[in-house]
Amino acid sequence: VGSRIADRVFDITRAFPLALDVGSGRGYIAQHLTKETVEKLIQVDIAENALKNAVESEIPTISVVADEEFLPFKEDTFDLVVSSLSLHWVNDLPRAFREIHQVLKPDGVFIGAMFGGDTLYELRCSLQLAELEREGGFSPHVSPFTAVSDLGHLLSRAGFNTLTVDTDEIQVNYPGLFEVMEDLQGKYIFHISMGESNCSWNRKPLLHRETMLAAAAIYQGKYLRGNDDGSVPATFQIYYMIGWKFHESQARPAQRGSATVSFGDLAKIDGLL
């Protein structure tokens, strides 16, 4: 995902003197950027250990421990703000978007990625079916995701314009459900009984062993895709978003009703030419 965000930065034909990576982790975006595109990068994360163990980058970087919802920078500071998957964890997403918009310079751009609503649907469906069968009800065990229909509205409310939102899916194969959960616990997406991996207040404290075994059987039976190695898929849906801060030099849409050609004439374009 960090690499794909970097690709979107490269698509913009300009250099960025100063950029900010919000929720940078160990520098998953920085390692793919070049100093010809980004001259200096500020990496912000609430986890100090992640910043201390950041991978090396050819770009000069400065690490700052801070909360994404309370960015400690002056207004109109950065030419570019990027974020890879960390916004999934903020408590107040509209506020985080407003903070990002505030620290951007006019004509600055925000490029970010978040987990989408279909992320881990195989795991969630297997757990829900198993809990319904064994315990007569279910509760969330994976943190909630933002709907793609809400992203454009939230970005617009924060002040961004010329918005672009697109989706992508990354599928990873695992031997079975237990390997999926072990991996996700390390990535702070999933919660069983240890590790603050699910931010839902109404989550259950644990899953019973019989429910887990039933969920593993459902996962294997329902989503086995005929792989030769018997592995099962885990799907991660990613929303990519691009938003700009307003500047007078930016192109703006023409006034409503000012068009001189009808869309109905598009079928006649060859004749008109």
C-alpha atoms as a PDB file:
ATOM      1  CA  VAL A   1       0.000   0.000   0.000  1.00  0.00           C
ATOM      2  CA  GLY A   2       2.890   2.339   0.767  1.00  0.00           C
ATOM      3  CA  SER A   3       4.307   1.652  -2.681  1.00  0.00           C
ATOM      4  CA  ARG A   4       0.963   2.362  -4.347  1.00  0.00           C
ATOM      5  CA  ILE A   5       0.635   5.665  -2.498  1.00  0.00           C
ATOM      6  CA  ALA A   6       4.140   6.584  -3.701  1.00  0.00           C
ATOM      7  CA  ASP A   7       3.027   5.805  -7.267  1.00  0.00           C
ATOM      8  CA  ARG A   8       0.202   8.315  -6.868  1.00  0.00           C
ATOM      9  CA  VAL A   9       2.694  10.914  -5.653  1.00  0.00           C
ATOM     10  CA  PHE A  10       4.822  10.302  -8.765  1.00  0.00           C
ATOM     11  CA  ASP A  11       1.735  10.852 -10.956  1.00  0.00           C
ATOM     12  CA  ILE A  12       1.712  14.526  -9.884  1.00  0.00           C
ATOM     13  CA  THR A  13       4.246  16.323 -12.044  1.00  0.00           C
ATOM     14  CA  ARG A  14       5.842  18.539  -9.426  1.00  0.00           C
ATOM     15  CA  ALA A  15       8.396  18.379  -6.645  1.00  0.00           C
ATOM     16  CA  PHE A  16       7.330  18.747  -3.001  1.00  0.00           C
ATOM     17  CA  PRO A  17       9.809  20.698  -0.828  1.00  0.00           C
ATOM     18  CA  LEU A  18       8.212  19.584   2.453  1.00  0.00           C
ATOM     19  CA  ALA A  19       5.928  16.579   3.026  1.00  0.00           C
ATOM     20  CA  LEU A  20       4.224  14.990   6.028  1.00  0.00           C
ATOM     21  CA  ASP A  21       3.531  11.284   6.570  1.00  0.00           C
ATOM     22  CA  VAL A  22       0.657  10.922   9.049  1.00  0.00           C
ATOM     23  CA  GLY A  23       0.815   7.619  10.944  1.00  0.00           C
ATOM     24  CA  SER A  24       4.064   6.715   9.209  1.00  0.00           C
ATOM     25  CA  GLY A  25       4.793   3.578  11.236  1.00  0.00           C
ATOM     26  CA  ARG A  26       8.201   2.261  10.173  1.00  0.00           C
ATOM     27  CA  GLY A  27       8.272   4.407   7.038  1.00  0.00           C
ATOM     28  CA  TYR A  28       6.203   2.299   4.659  1.00  0.00           C
ATOM     29  CA  ILE A  29       5.752   5.200   2.211  1.00  0.00           C
ATOM     30  CA  ALA A  30       9.133   6.919   2.629  1.00  0.00           C
ATOM     31  CA  GLN A  31      11.108   3.891   1.437  1.00  0.00           C
ATOM     32  CA  HIS A  32       9.410   4.161  -1.974  1.00  0.00           C
ATOM     33  CA  LEU A  33       9.777   7.931  -2.484  1.00  0.00           C
ATOM     34  CA  THR A  34      12.722   9.689  -4.141  1.00  0.00           C
ATOM     35  CA  LYS A  35      14.515  12.887  -3.180  1.00  0.00           C
ATOM     36  CA  GLU A  36      13.758  14.283  -6.635  1.00  0.00           C
ATOM     37  CA  THR A  37      10.045  14.181  -5.759  1.00  0.00           C
ATOM     38  CA  VAL A  38      10.077  14.882  -1.993  1.00  0.00           C
ATOM     39  CA  GLU A  39      12.941  17.011  -0.686  1.00  0.00           C
ATOM     40  CA  LYS A  40      12.199  16.614   3.040  1.00  0.00           C
ATOM     41  CA  LEU A  41       9.745  14.403   4.947  1.00  0.00           C
ATOM     42  CA  ILE A  42       8.321  14.697   8.466  1.00  0.00           C
ATOM     43  CA  GLN A  43       7.191  11.296   9.804  1.00  0.00           C
ATOM     44  CA  VAL A  44       4.504  11.423  12.504  1.00  0.00           C
ATOM     45  CA  ASP A  45       3.262   8.475  14.529  1.00  0.00           C
ATOM     46  CA  ILE A  46       1.804   7.985  17.998  1.00  0.00           C
ATOM     47  CA  ALA A  47       4.023   4.891  18.501  1.00  0.00           C
ATOM     48  CA  GLU A  48       7.565   5.956  19.405  1.00  0.00           C
ATOM     49  CA  ASN A  49       9.009   2.456  18.889  1.00  0.00           C
ATOM     50  CA  ALA A  50       7.767   2.386  15.292  1.00  0.00           C
ATOM     51  CA  LEU A  51       9.563   5.644  14.535  1.00  0.00           C
ATOM     52  CA  LYS A  52      12.762   4.414  16.210  1.00  0.00           C
ATOM     53  CA  ASN A  53      12.736   1.303  13.985  1.00  0.00           C
ATOM     54  CA  ALA A  54      11.887   3.090  10.731  1.00  0.00           C
ATOM     55  CA  VAL A  55      13.514   1.712   7.579  1.00  0.00           C
ATOM     56  CA  GLU A  56      16.109   3.863   5.852  1.00  0.00           C
ATOM     57  CA  SER A  57      15.127   6.227   3.059  1.00  0.00           C
ATOM     58  CA  GLU A  58      17.106   8.387   0.662  1.00  0.00           C
ATOM     59  CA  ILE A  59      14.951  11.351   1.695  1.00  0.00           C
ATOM     60  CA  PRO A  60      16.007  13.444   4.716  1.00  0.00           C
ATOM     61  CA  THR A  61      13.430  12.662   7.440  1.00  0.00           C
ATOM     62  CA  ILE A  62      12.477  13.981  10.868  1.00  0.00           C
ATOM     63  CA  SER A  63      10.459  11.838  13.308  1.00  0.00           C
ATOM     64  CA  VAL A  64       7.782  13.390  15.537  1.00  0.00           C
ATOM     65  CA  VAL A  65       5.717  11.496  18.128  1.00  0.00           C
ATOM     66  CA  ALA A  66       2.188  12.926  17.881  1.00  0.00           C
ATOM     67  CA  ASP A  67      -1.499  12.031  17.589  1.00  0.00           C
ATOM     68  CA  GLU A  68      -3.053  12.190  14.119  1.00  0.00           C
ATOM     69  CA  GLU A  69      -5.999  14.112  15.584  1.00  0.00           C
ATOM     70  CA  PHE A  70      -3.746  16.809  17.116  1.00  0.00           C
ATOM     71  CA  LEU A  71      -0.992  17.580  14.611  1.00  0.00           C
ATOM     72  CA  PRO A  72       1.609  19.908  16.208  1.00  0.00           C
ATOM     73  CA  PHE A  73       2.280  22.026  13.109  1.00  0.00           C
ATOM     74  CA  LYS A  74       1.368  25.520  11.970  1.00  0.00           C
ATOM     75  CA  GLU A  75      -1.290  26.155   9.372  1.00  0.00           C
ATOM     76  CA  ASP A  76      -0.166  26.141   5.712  1.00  0.00           C
ATOM     77  CA  THR A  77       3.087  24.248   6.392  1.00  0.00           C
ATOM     78  CA  PHE A  78       3.252  21.250   4.038  1.00  0.00           C
ATOM     79  CA  ASP A  79       3.139  20.871   0.251  1.00  0.00           C
ATOM     80  CA  LEU A  80       2.101  17.214   0.517  1.00  0.00           C
ATOM     81  CA  VAL A  81       0.506  15.011   3.191  1.00  0.00           C
ATOM     82  CA  VAL A  82       0.400  11.217   2.836  1.00  0.00           C
ATOM     83  CA  SER A  83      -1.034   8.480   5.059  1.00  0.00           C
ATOM     84  CA  SER A  84      -0.976   4.690   4.700  1.00  0.00           C
ATOM     85  CA  LEU A  85      -3.712   2.799   6.608  1.00  0.00           C
ATOM     86  CA  SER A  86      -3.196   4.550   9.966  1.00  0.00           C
ATOM     87  CA  LEU A  87      -6.438   6.569   9.764  1.00  0.00           C
ATOM     88  CA  HIS A  88      -8.307   3.303  10.376  1.00  0.00           C
ATOM     89  CA  TRP A  89      -7.400   3.768  14.051  1.00  0.00           C
ATOM     90  CA  VAL A  90      -8.281   7.402  14.778  1.00  0.00           C
ATOM     91  CA  ASN A  91     -11.201   8.045  17.125  1.00  0.00           C
ATOM     92  CA  ASP A  92     -12.431  11.138  15.262  1.00  0.00           C
ATOM     93  CA  LEU A  93     -11.883  10.773  11.505  1.00  0.00           C
ATOM     94  CA  PRO A  94     -13.528  14.112  10.525  1.00  0.00           C
ATOM     95  CA  ARG A  95     -11.192  15.909  12.939  1.00  0.00           C
ATOM     96  CA  ALA A  96      -8.147  14.111  11.528  1.00  0.00           C
ATOM     97  CA  PHE A  97      -9.123  15.213   8.010  1.00  0.00           C
ATOM     98  CA  ARG A  98      -9.545  18.802   9.219  1.00  0.00           C
ATOM     99  CA  GLU A  99      -6.127  18.698  10.878  1.00  0.00           C
ATOM    100  CA  ILE A 100      -4.536  17.453   7.650  1.00  0.00           C
ATOM    101  CA  HIS A 101      -6.308  20.138   5.618  1.00  0.00           C
ATOM    102  CA  GLN A 102      -5.178  22.841   8.031  1.00  0.00           C
ATOM    103  CA  VAL A 103      -1.461  21.993   7.865  1.00  0.00           C
ATOM    104  CA  LEU A 104      -1.493  21.808   4.048  1.00  0.00           C
ATOM    105  CA  LYS A 105      -0.436  24.852   2.039  1.00  0.00           C
ATOM    106  CA  PRO A 106      -2.935  26.230  -0.502  1.00  0.00           C
ATOM    107  CA  ASP A 107      -2.706  24.025  -3.620  1.00  0.00           C
ATOM    108  CA  GLY A 108      -1.223  21.286  -1.434  1.00  0.00           C
ATOM    109  CA  VAL A 109      -2.434  17.712  -1.862  1.00  0.00           C
ATOM    110  CA  PHE A 110      -3.391  14.908   0.515  1.00  0.00           C
ATOM    111  CA  ILE A 111      -2.944  11.300  -0.655  1.00  0.00           C
ATOM    112  CA  GLY A 112      -4.087   8.600   1.743  1.00  0.00           C
ATOM    113  CA  ALA A 113      -5.258   5.003   2.062  1.00  0.00           C
ATOM    114  CA  MET A 114      -7.663   3.304   4.473  1.00  0.00           C
ATOM    115  CA  PHE A 115      -9.062  -0.184   4.926  1.00  0.00           C
ATOM    116  CA  GLY A 116     -12.392  -0.620   3.131  1.00  0.00           C
ATOM    117  CA  GLY A 117     -15.637  -2.180   4.310  1.00  0.00           C
ATOM    118  CA  ASP A 118     -15.076  -5.555   2.605  1.00  0.00           C
ATOM    119  CA  THR A 119     -11.746  -6.113   4.378  1.00  0.00           C
ATOM    120  CA  LEU A 120     -11.523  -9.600   5.955  1.00  0.00           C
ATOM    121  CA  TYR A 121     -15.078 -10.478   4.966  1.00  0.00           C
ATOM    122  CA  GLU A 122     -14.118 -14.182   4.917  1.00  0.00           C
ATOM    123  CA  LEU A 123     -12.933 -14.067   8.531  1.00  0.00           C
ATOM    124  CA  ARG A 124     -15.849 -11.993   9.786  1.00  0.00           C
ATOM    125  CA  CYS A 125     -18.448 -14.182   8.084  1.00  0.00           C
ATOM    126  CA  SER A 126     -16.860 -17.393   9.445  1.00  0.00           C
ATOM    127  CA  LEU A 127     -16.755 -16.039  13.004  1.00  0.00           C
ATOM    128  CA  GLN A 128     -20.328 -14.772  12.851  1.00  0.00           C
ATOM    129  CA  LEU A 129     -21.697 -18.066  11.541  1.00  0.00           C
ATOM    130  CA  ALA A 130     -19.758 -20.035  14.165  1.00  0.00           C
ATOM    131  CA  GLU A 131     -20.903 -17.790  17.023  1.00  0.00           C
ATOM    132  CA  LEU A 132     -24.518 -17.925  15.879  1.00  0.00           C
ATOM    133  CA  GLU A 133     -24.369 -21.705  15.753  1.00  0.00           C
ATOM    134  CA  ARG A 134     -22.485 -22.312  19.030  1.00  0.00           C
ATOM    135  CA  GLU A 135     -23.427 -19.304  21.177  1.00  0.00           C
ATOM    136  CA  GLY A 136     -26.711 -18.029  19.752  1.00  0.00           C
ATOM    137  CA  GLY A 137     -25.372 -14.585  18.798  1.00  0.00           C
ATOM    138  CA  PHE A 138     -22.243 -12.727  17.721  1.00  0.00           C
ATOM    139  CA  SER A 139     -20.260  -9.570  18.434  1.00  0.00           C
ATOM    140  CA  PRO A 140     -17.615  -7.743  16.375  1.00  0.00           C
ATOM    141  CA  HIS A 141     -14.048  -9.026  16.558  1.00  0.00           C
ATOM    142  CA  VAL A 142     -12.615  -6.849  13.782  1.00  0.00           C
ATOM    143  CA  SER A 143     -12.453  -3.071  14.108  1.00  0.00           C
ATOM    144  CA  PRO A 144     -15.105  -1.137  12.138  1.00  0.00           C
ATOM    145  CA  PHE A 145     -14.326   0.211   8.664  1.00  0.00           C
ATOM    146  CA  THR A 146     -15.327   3.407   6.867  1.00  0.00           C
ATOM    147  CA  ALA A 147     -17.766   3.115   3.946  1.00  0.00           C
ATOM    148  CA  VAL A 148     -16.504   4.429   0.595  1.00  0.00           C
ATOM    149  CA  SER A 149     -19.700   6.463   0.230  1.00  0.00           C
ATOM    150  CA  ASP A 150     -18.735   8.436   3.353  1.00  0.00           C
ATOM    151  CA  LEU A 151     -15.136   9.256   2.422  1.00  0.00           C
ATOM    152  CA  GLY A 152     -15.904  11.855  -0.245  1.00  0.00           C
ATOM    153  CA  HIS A 153     -18.384  13.585   2.047  1.00  0.00           C
ATOM    154  CA  LEU A 154     -15.935  13.655   4.976  1.00  0.00           C
ATOM    155  CA  LEU A 155     -13.108  15.025   2.815  1.00  0.00           C
ATOM    156  CA  SER A 156     -15.382  17.674   1.336  1.00  0.00           C
ATOM    157  CA  ARG A 157     -16.564  18.753   4.795  1.00  0.00           C
ATOM    158  CA  ALA A 158     -12.927  19.084   5.867  1.00  0.00           C
ATOM    159  CA  GLY A 159     -12.372  21.581   3.019  1.00  0.00           C
ATOM    160  CA  PHE A 160     -10.760  19.444   0.316  1.00  0.00           C
ATOM    161  CA  ASN A 161     -11.721  19.846  -3.330  1.00  0.00           C
ATOM    162  CA  THR A 162     -11.003  18.059  -6.641  1.00  0.00           C
ATOM    163  CA  LEU A 163     -11.521  14.758  -4.828  1.00  0.00           C
ATOM    164  CA  THR A 164     -10.662  11.301  -6.126  1.00  0.00           C
ATOM    165  CA  VAL A 165     -11.562   8.069  -4.321  1.00  0.00           C
ATOM    166  CA  ASP A 166     -10.850   4.624  -5.784  1.00  0.00           C
ATOM    167  CA  THR A 167     -10.735   1.095  -4.404  1.00  0.00           C
ATOM    168  CA  ASP A 168      -8.359  -1.828  -4.688  1.00  0.00           C
ATOM    169  CA  GLU A 169      -8.235  -5.355  -3.280  1.00  0.00           C
ATOM    170  CA  ILE A 170      -5.205  -7.252  -2.021  1.00  0.00           C
ATOM    171  CA  GLN A 171      -5.657 -10.964  -1.393  1.00  0.00           C
ATOM    172  CA  VAL A 172      -3.251 -12.908   0.824  1.00  0.00           C
ATOM    173  CA  ASN A 173      -3.312 -16.705   1.124  1.00  0.00           C
ATOM    174  CA  TYR A 174      -2.943 -18.428   4.515  1.00  0.00           C
ATOM    175  CA  PRO A 175      -2.877 -22.093   5.610  1.00  0.00           C
ATOM    176  CA  GLY A 176      -6.055 -21.553   7.658  1.00  0.00           C
ATOM    177  CA  LEU A 177      -8.054 -19.318   9.999  1.00  0.00           C
ATOM    178  CA  PHE A 178      -5.647 -19.572  12.940  1.00  0.00           C
ATOM    179  CA  GLU A 179      -2.736 -18.344  10.829  1.00  0.00           C
ATOM    180  CA  VAL A 180      -4.875 -15.432   9.608  1.00  0.00           C
ATOM    181  CA  MET A 181      -5.681 -14.407  13.179  1.00  0.00           C
ATOM    182  CA  GLU A 182      -2.094 -14.803  14.394  1.00  0.00           C
ATOM    183  CA  ASP A 183      -0.878 -12.519  11.615  1.00  0.00           C
ATOM    184  CA  LEU A 184      -3.625  -9.967  12.187  1.00  0.00           C
ATOM    185  CA  GLN A 185      -2.988  -9.798  15.917  1.00  0.00           C
ATOM    186  CA  GLY A 186       0.549  -8.741  15.157  1.00  0.00           C
ATOM    187  CA  LYS A 187      -0.816  -6.021  12.864  1.00  0.00           C
ATOM    188  CA  TYR A 188      -3.377  -4.754  15.429  1.00  0.00           C
ATOM    189  CA  ILE A 189      -6.457  -5.446  13.294  1.00  0.00           C
ATOM    190  CA  PHE A 190      -7.958  -8.417  15.124  1.00  0.00           C
ATOM    191  CA  HIS A 191      -8.824  -9.150  18.761  1.00  0.00           C
ATOM    192  CA  ILE A 192      -9.340 -12.483  20.545  1.00  0.00           C
ATOM    193  CA  SER A 193      -8.398 -12.065  24.197  1.00  0.00           C
ATOM    194  CA  MET A 194      -4.998 -10.353  24.210  1.00  0.00           C
ATOM    195  CA  GLY A 195      -3.604  -7.291  22.428  1.00  0.00           C
ATOM    196  CA  GLU A 196      -5.622  -4.143  21.895  1.00  0.00           C
ATOM    197  CA  SER A 197      -6.378  -5.095  18.303  1.00  0.00           C
ATOM    198  CA  ASN A 198     -10.074  -4.268  18.093  1.00  0.00           C
ATOM    199  CA  CYS A 199     -11.126  -0.748  19.027  1.00  0.00           C
ATOM    200  CA  SER A 200     -14.845  -1.596  19.325  1.00  0.00           C
ATOM    201  CA  TRP A 201     -16.203  -0.828  22.798  1.00  0.00           C
ATOM    202  CA  ASN A 202     -18.789  -3.632  22.613  1.00  0.00           C
ATOM    203  CA  ARG A 203     -16.419  -6.436  21.652  1.00  0.00           C
ATOM    204  CA  LYS A 204     -16.514  -9.724  23.566  1.00  0.00           C
ATOM    205  CA  PRO A 205     -13.461 -10.396  25.760  1.00  0.00           C
ATOM    206  CA  LEU A 206     -12.736 -13.807  24.210  1.00  0.00           C
ATOM    207  CA  LEU A 207     -13.872 -16.538  21.843  1.00  0.00           C
ATOM    208  CA  HIS A 208     -14.557 -20.045  23.122  1.00  0.00           C
ATOM    209  CA  ARG A 209     -12.377 -22.858  21.813  1.00  0.00           C
ATOM    210  CA  GLU A 210     -15.322 -24.728  20.287  1.00  0.00           C
ATOM    211  CA  THR A 211     -16.444 -21.586  18.483  1.00  0.00           C
ATOM    212  CA  MET A 212     -12.938 -21.075  17.122  1.00  0.00           C
ATOM    213  CA  LEU A 213     -12.754 -24.640  15.810  1.00  0.00           C
ATOM    214  CA  ALA A 214     -16.172 -24.260  14.181  1.00  0.00           C
ATOM    215  CA  ALA A 215     -15.104 -20.970  12.584  1.00  0.00           C
ATOM    216  CA  ALA A 216     -11.929 -22.598  11.228  1.00  0.00           C
ATOM    217  CA  ALA A 217     -13.989 -25.396   9.652  1.00  0.00           C
ATOM    218  CA  ILE A 218     -16.423 -22.892   8.117  1.00  0.00           C
ATOM    219  CA  TYR A 219     -13.542 -20.791   6.761  1.00  0.00           C
ATOM    220  CA  GLN A 220     -11.905 -23.835   5.170  1.00  0.00           C
ATOM    221  CA  GLY A 221     -15.134 -25.186   3.730  1.00  0.00           C
ATOM    222  CA  LYS A 222     -16.624 -21.932   2.485  1.00  0.00           C
ATOM    223  CA  TYR A 223     -13.602 -20.113   1.076  1.00  0.00           C
ATOM    224  CA  LEU A 224     -11.195 -22.804  -0.079  1.00  0.00           C
ATOM    225  CA  ARG A 225     -10.426 -21.657  -3.612  1.00  0.00           C
ATOM    226  CA  GLY A 226      -8.927 -24.840  -4.996  1.00  0.00           C
ATOM    227  CA  ASN A 227      -5.338 -23.774  -4.349  1.00  0.00           C
ATOM    228  CA  ASP A 228      -2.938 -26.675  -4.752  1.00  0.00           C
ATOM    229  CA  ASP A 229      -1.453 -26.015  -1.321  1.00  0.00           C
ATOM    230  CA  GLY A 230      -4.880 -25.986   0.376  1.00  0.00           C
ATOM    231  CA  SER A 231      -4.569 -22.364   1.492  1.00  0.00           C
ATOM    232  CA  VAL A 232      -7.488 -20.013   2.050  1.00  0.00           C
ATOM    233  CA  PRO A 233      -7.701 -16.305   1.091  1.00  0.00           C
ATOM    234  CA  ALA A 234      -7.932 -13.213   3.275  1.00  0.00           C
ATOM    235  CA  THR A 235      -9.106 -10.135   1.385  1.00  0.00           C
ATOM    236  CA  PHE A 236      -8.020  -6.593   2.223  1.00  0.00           C
ATOM    237  CA  GLN A 237     -10.007  -3.838   0.518  1.00  0.00           C
ATOM    238  CA  ILE A 238      -8.138  -0.528   0.273  1.00  0.00           C
ATOM    239  CA  TYR A 239      -9.654   2.909  -0.347  1.00  0.00           C
ATOM    240  CA  TYR A 240      -7.255   5.418  -1.907  1.00  0.00           C
ATOM    241  CA  MET A 241      -8.164   9.100  -1.658  1.00  0.00           C
ATOM    242  CA  ILE A 242      -6.731  12.290  -3.126  1.00  0.00           C
ATOM    243  CA  GLY A 243      -7.862  15.772  -2.089  1.00  0.00           C
ATOM    244  CA  TRP A 244      -6.494  19.255  -2.767  1.00  0.00           C
ATOM    245  CA  LYS A 245      -6.512  22.427  -0.680  1.00  0.00           C
ATOM    246  CA  PHE A 246      -8.065  25.331  -2.558  1.00  0.00           C
ATOM    247  CA  HIS A 247      -5.918  27.892  -4.367  1.00  0.00           C
ATOM    248  CA  GLU A 248      -6.908  30.571  -6.869  1.00  0.00           C
ATOM    249  CA  SER A 249      -4.677  29.032  -9.551  1.00  0.00           C
ATOM    250  CA  GLN A 250      -6.570  25.738  -9.561  1.00  0.00           C
ATOM    251  CA  ALA A 251      -8.902  24.882 -12.423  1.00  0.00           C
ATOM    252  CA  ARG A 252     -12.563  25.197 -11.503  1.00  0.00           C
ATOM    253  CA  PRO A 253     -15.679  23.726 -13.113  1.00  0.00           C
ATOM    254  CA  ALA A 254     -17.602  25.955 -15.482  1.00  0.00           C
ATOM    255  CA  GLN A 255     -20.806  27.561 -14.275  1.00  0.00           C
ATOM    256  CA  ARG A 256     -23.906  25.413 -14.431  1.00  0.00           C
ATOM    257  CA  GLY A 257     -25.748  25.889 -17.728  1.00  0.00           C
ATOM    258  CA  SER A 258     -22.762  27.311 -19.612  1.00  0.00           C
ATOM    259  CA  ALA A 259     -22.218  24.227 -21.803  1.00  0.00           C
ATOM    260  CA  THR A 260     -22.487  24.759 -25.573  1.00  0.00           C
ATOM    261  CA  VAL A 261     -22.662  21.068 -26.575  1.00  0.00           C
ATOM    262  CA  SER A 262     -25.109  18.417 -25.420  1.00  0.00           C
ATOM    263  CA  PHE A 263     -24.032  14.971 -24.275  1.00  0.00           C
ATOM    264  CA  GLY A 264     -26.610  13.722 -26.742  1.00  0.00           C
ATOM    265  CA  ASP A 265     -24.399  14.972 -29.564  1.00  0.00           C
ATOM    266  CA  LEU A 266     -21.526  12.670 -28.579  1.00  0.00           C
ATOM    267  CA  ALA A 267     -22.912   9.954 -30.842  1.00  0.00           C
ATOM    268  CA  LYS A 268     -22.495  12.385 -33.767  1.00  0.00           C
ATOM    269  CA  ILE A 269     -18.898  13.322 -32.924  1.00  0.00           C
ATOM    270  CA  ASP A 270     -17.387  11.639 -36.002  1.00  0.00           C
ATOM    271  CA  GLY A 271     -19.709  13.563 -38.287  1.00  0.00           C
ATOM    272  CA  LEU A 272     -19.008  16.850 -36.511  1.00  0.00           C
ATOM    273  CA  LEU A 273     -15.244  16.352 -36.857  1.00  0.00           C
END
